[in-house]
Protein backbone atom coordinates (compact mmCIF):
# COMPACT_ATOMS: atom_id res chain seq x y z
CA MET A 1 -8.47 -63.88 -3.12
CA LYS A 2 -10.58 -66.05 -5.38
CA ARG A 3 -11.96 -63.42 -7.84
CA ILE A 4 -9.64 -62.92 -10.60
CA LEU A 5 -9.59 -60.37 -13.49
CA ILE A 6 -7.43 -61.14 -16.54
CA ILE A 7 -6.05 -58.34 -18.75
CA ASP A 8 -4.42 -59.71 -22.02
CA ASP A 9 -4.56 -58.66 -25.62
CA VAL A 10 -3.84 -62.12 -26.86
CA GLN A 11 -7.14 -64.24 -26.86
CA ASP A 12 -5.61 -67.66 -27.01
CA ARG A 13 -3.31 -66.87 -24.08
CA ALA A 14 -6.10 -65.28 -22.15
CA ALA A 15 -8.47 -68.21 -22.83
CA TRP A 16 -5.70 -70.72 -21.38
CA LEU A 17 -5.20 -68.65 -18.38
CA LYS A 18 -8.94 -68.51 -17.67
CA ALA A 19 -9.22 -72.26 -18.17
CA SER A 20 -6.34 -72.91 -15.95
CA LEU A 21 -7.59 -70.47 -13.14
CA GLU A 22 -11.19 -72.15 -13.40
CA LEU A 23 -9.54 -75.61 -13.08
CA ALA A 24 -7.73 -74.31 -9.87
CA GLU A 25 -11.24 -73.26 -8.65
CA TYR A 26 -10.82 -69.44 -9.15
CA ASP A 27 -13.64 -67.37 -10.18
CA VAL A 28 -12.74 -65.51 -13.29
CA VAL A 29 -14.76 -62.31 -13.12
CA GLY A 30 -13.67 -60.96 -16.43
CA VAL A 31 -11.19 -60.97 -19.39
CA LEU A 32 -10.31 -57.57 -20.73
CA ASP A 33 -7.80 -56.44 -23.33
CA TRP A 34 -5.92 -53.28 -22.76
CA GLU A 35 -8.07 -51.10 -24.81
CA GLN A 36 -11.11 -51.88 -22.30
CA VAL A 37 -9.00 -51.04 -19.34
CA ASP A 38 -9.94 -48.07 -17.23
CA GLU A 39 -10.67 -47.44 -13.49
CA ARG A 40 -14.51 -47.95 -14.08
CA THR A 41 -14.21 -51.30 -15.76
CA ILE A 42 -11.84 -52.73 -13.36
CA GLN A 43 -13.86 -51.54 -10.33
CA ALA A 44 -16.90 -53.10 -11.92
CA ALA A 45 -15.26 -56.62 -12.08
CA PHE A 46 -14.97 -56.56 -8.27
CA ALA A 47 -11.81 -58.72 -8.57
CA ASP A 48 -9.47 -59.63 -5.85
CA VAL A 49 -6.48 -60.07 -7.89
CA ILE A 50 -5.66 -58.82 -11.47
CA ILE A 51 -3.39 -60.88 -13.65
CA VAL A 52 -1.72 -59.01 -16.57
CA ASP A 53 0.06 -60.79 -19.24
CA ALA A 54 2.18 -58.34 -20.85
CA ASN A 55 5.17 -59.15 -22.78
CA ALA A 56 6.60 -55.80 -22.89
CA PRO A 57 4.84 -53.44 -20.61
CA GLY A 58 5.06 -50.04 -21.93
CA ARG A 59 4.61 -46.75 -20.10
CA ASP A 60 0.90 -46.67 -20.55
CA THR A 61 0.70 -50.20 -19.27
CA LEU A 62 2.71 -49.30 -16.28
CA GLU A 63 0.57 -46.27 -15.57
CA GLN A 64 -2.54 -48.51 -15.65
CA ILE A 65 -0.89 -51.15 -13.27
CA SER A 66 -0.03 -48.42 -10.76
CA LEU A 67 -3.72 -47.22 -10.87
CA MET A 68 -4.84 -50.87 -10.16
CA SER A 69 -2.38 -51.50 -7.30
CA THR A 70 -2.52 -48.08 -5.56
CA THR A 71 -5.82 -46.35 -6.23
CA LEU A 72 -7.92 -49.52 -6.49
CA GLU A 73 -5.91 -51.24 -3.96
CA LYS A 74 -5.51 -54.62 -5.80
CA PRO A 75 -2.67 -56.91 -6.11
CA VAL A 76 -1.46 -57.16 -9.74
CA VAL A 77 0.36 -60.10 -11.16
CA VAL A 78 2.41 -59.72 -14.30
CA LEU A 79 2.89 -62.73 -16.37
CA GLY A 80 5.27 -63.03 -19.35
CA GLY A 81 7.09 -59.99 -18.44
CA GLN A 82 10.58 -59.02 -19.80
CA THR A 83 13.68 -60.39 -18.11
CA ASP A 84 15.71 -57.24 -18.09
CA GLN A 85 16.26 -55.48 -14.94
CA PRO A 86 15.07 -52.00 -15.99
CA SER A 87 11.62 -53.58 -17.03
CA ILE A 88 11.36 -55.56 -13.70
CA GLN A 89 12.39 -52.48 -11.56
CA ALA A 90 9.74 -50.36 -13.57
CA ALA A 91 7.02 -53.05 -12.94
CA MET A 92 7.90 -53.07 -9.31
CA ARG A 93 7.76 -49.32 -8.98
CA ALA A 94 4.34 -49.42 -10.67
CA GLY A 95 3.05 -51.65 -7.81
CA VAL A 96 3.30 -55.12 -9.17
CA SER A 97 2.93 -57.75 -6.52
CA ALA A 98 4.34 -60.68 -8.43
CA TYR A 99 6.25 -60.73 -11.79
CA VAL A 100 6.91 -63.94 -13.56
CA SER A 101 8.98 -63.74 -16.72
CA HIS A 102 9.14 -67.36 -17.50
CA ALA A 103 6.59 -69.66 -18.95
CA ILE A 104 4.32 -71.16 -16.37
CA GLN A 105 2.04 -74.22 -15.99
CA GLY A 106 -1.43 -74.11 -14.71
CA GLU A 107 -0.53 -75.66 -11.27
CA ASP A 108 1.96 -72.72 -10.70
CA LEU A 109 -1.06 -70.10 -10.51
CA SER A 110 -2.29 -70.72 -7.12
CA GLY A 111 1.21 -70.27 -5.52
CA ILE A 112 1.82 -67.22 -7.59
CA ILE A 113 -1.58 -65.58 -6.63
CA GLN A 114 -0.96 -66.29 -2.99
CA VAL A 115 2.40 -64.74 -2.97
CA ALA A 116 1.01 -61.94 -4.58
CA ALA A 117 -1.73 -61.29 -2.32
CA ALA A 118 0.45 -61.78 0.79
CA ARG A 119 3.15 -59.32 -0.66
CA PHE A 120 0.32 -56.89 -1.52
CA ALA A 121 -1.11 -57.05 2.09
CA GLU A 122 2.31 -56.52 3.59
CA HIS A 123 3.09 -53.45 1.42
CA LYS A 124 -0.27 -52.10 2.20
CA ARG A 125 0.37 -52.58 5.84
CA LEU A 126 3.67 -50.81 5.55
CA ARG A 127 2.22 -47.91 3.48
CA ASP A 128 -0.51 -47.40 6.17
CA GLU A 129 1.96 -47.43 8.85
CA LEU A 130 4.05 -44.88 6.94
CA LYS A 131 0.95 -42.71 6.36
CA GLU A 132 0.07 -42.95 10.15
CA ALA A 133 3.56 -42.08 11.18
CA ARG A 134 3.72 -39.04 8.80
CA SER A 135 0.23 -37.85 10.14
CA GLN A 136 1.38 -38.29 13.78
CA LEU A 137 4.41 -36.23 13.02
CA VAL A 138 2.61 -33.42 11.42
CA GLU A 139 0.11 -33.51 14.31
CA ARG A 140 3.03 -33.28 16.79
CA LYS A 141 4.59 -30.42 14.95
CA LEU A 142 1.17 -28.50 15.16
CA VAL A 143 0.63 -29.17 18.96
CA ASP A 144 4.39 -28.03 19.55
CA LYS A 145 3.74 -24.82 17.45
CA ALA A 146 0.57 -24.16 19.37
CA LYS A 147 2.23 -24.78 22.75
CA GLY A 148 4.85 -22.29 21.71
CA ILE A 149 2.29 -19.70 20.83
CA LEU A 150 0.34 -20.23 24.20
CA MET A 151 3.69 -20.03 26.04
CA ALA A 152 4.85 -16.82 24.28
CA ASP A 153 1.48 -15.03 24.63
CA ASN A 154 0.33 -16.15 28.11
CA ALA A 155 3.62 -16.82 29.93
CA TYR A 156 2.56 -20.40 30.38
CA SER A 157 5.18 -23.19 31.01
CA GLU A 158 5.27 -25.98 28.42
CA VAL A 159 3.45 -28.35 30.86
CA GLU A 160 0.78 -25.53 31.41
CA ALA A 161 0.26 -24.90 27.58
CA TYR A 162 -0.13 -28.51 26.95
CA LYS A 163 -2.71 -28.92 29.89
CA LYS A 164 -4.76 -26.06 28.67
CA MET A 165 -4.80 -27.68 25.12
CA ARG A 166 -5.68 -31.03 26.42
CA ASN A 167 -8.30 -29.76 28.68
CA LEU A 168 -9.84 -27.74 25.80
CA ALA A 169 -9.75 -30.69 23.57
CA MET A 170 -11.62 -32.96 26.02
CA ASN A 171 -14.21 -30.27 26.88
CA LYS A 172 -14.92 -29.69 23.17
CA GLY A 173 -14.71 -33.41 22.05
CA LYS A 174 -11.99 -32.41 19.68
CA ARG A 175 -8.69 -34.00 18.87
CA LEU A 176 -5.59 -32.23 20.33
CA ALA A 177 -4.26 -31.42 16.83
CA GLU A 178 -7.75 -29.77 16.02
CA VAL A 179 -7.25 -27.50 19.05
CA ALA A 180 -3.57 -26.88 18.02
CA GLU A 181 -4.82 -25.79 14.44
CA ALA A 182 -7.34 -23.59 16.03
CA ILE A 183 -4.76 -21.87 18.11
CA ILE A 184 -2.39 -21.46 15.18
CA LEU A 185 -5.16 -20.07 13.03
CA ALA A 186 -6.25 -17.55 15.79
CA LYS A 187 -2.64 -16.26 16.12
CA GLU A 188 -2.43 -15.85 12.20
CA LEU A 189 -5.42 -13.94 12.23
CA ASN A 190 -4.53 -11.55 14.93
CA SER A 191 -0.95 -10.95 13.37
């Protein structure tokens, strides 16, 4: 996590942040103001972490942060954020990995970036696990529905219906869920 993109509308503050990061041996791949921010410019920077200095992140800013965090899958650090609970919660919902509302020193940056990267990786792992669990649940429901169709139409037991589907999947080189979808589709076509 050595490549950093800075987004800040205040040039002096951005210059200080860039110098501090370079002193800490980070590679600052770009400094943008909010008007320059879009998906293309962020992707073109090839940053590992995005640092945003926003005193009052508004709705548009939070939407951009959400895009960076989820769509582009980048950890986002907000520096100089508001201290009120609604602002902090809105930033967290937008996908901010670290939110620092107080003034910082240059030597604080490495720790903040490391925590943000670790937190982002953990949230990504949890999101991926949740996505996988949901996918397995959907597939399980398809298999159960297809077994029910085979049991009703062919008087198979549940074990026989499952065996038929599993054998067909292995013989055709398909996933069990794909065979289940085909069975359900065929039943819908014949109804």
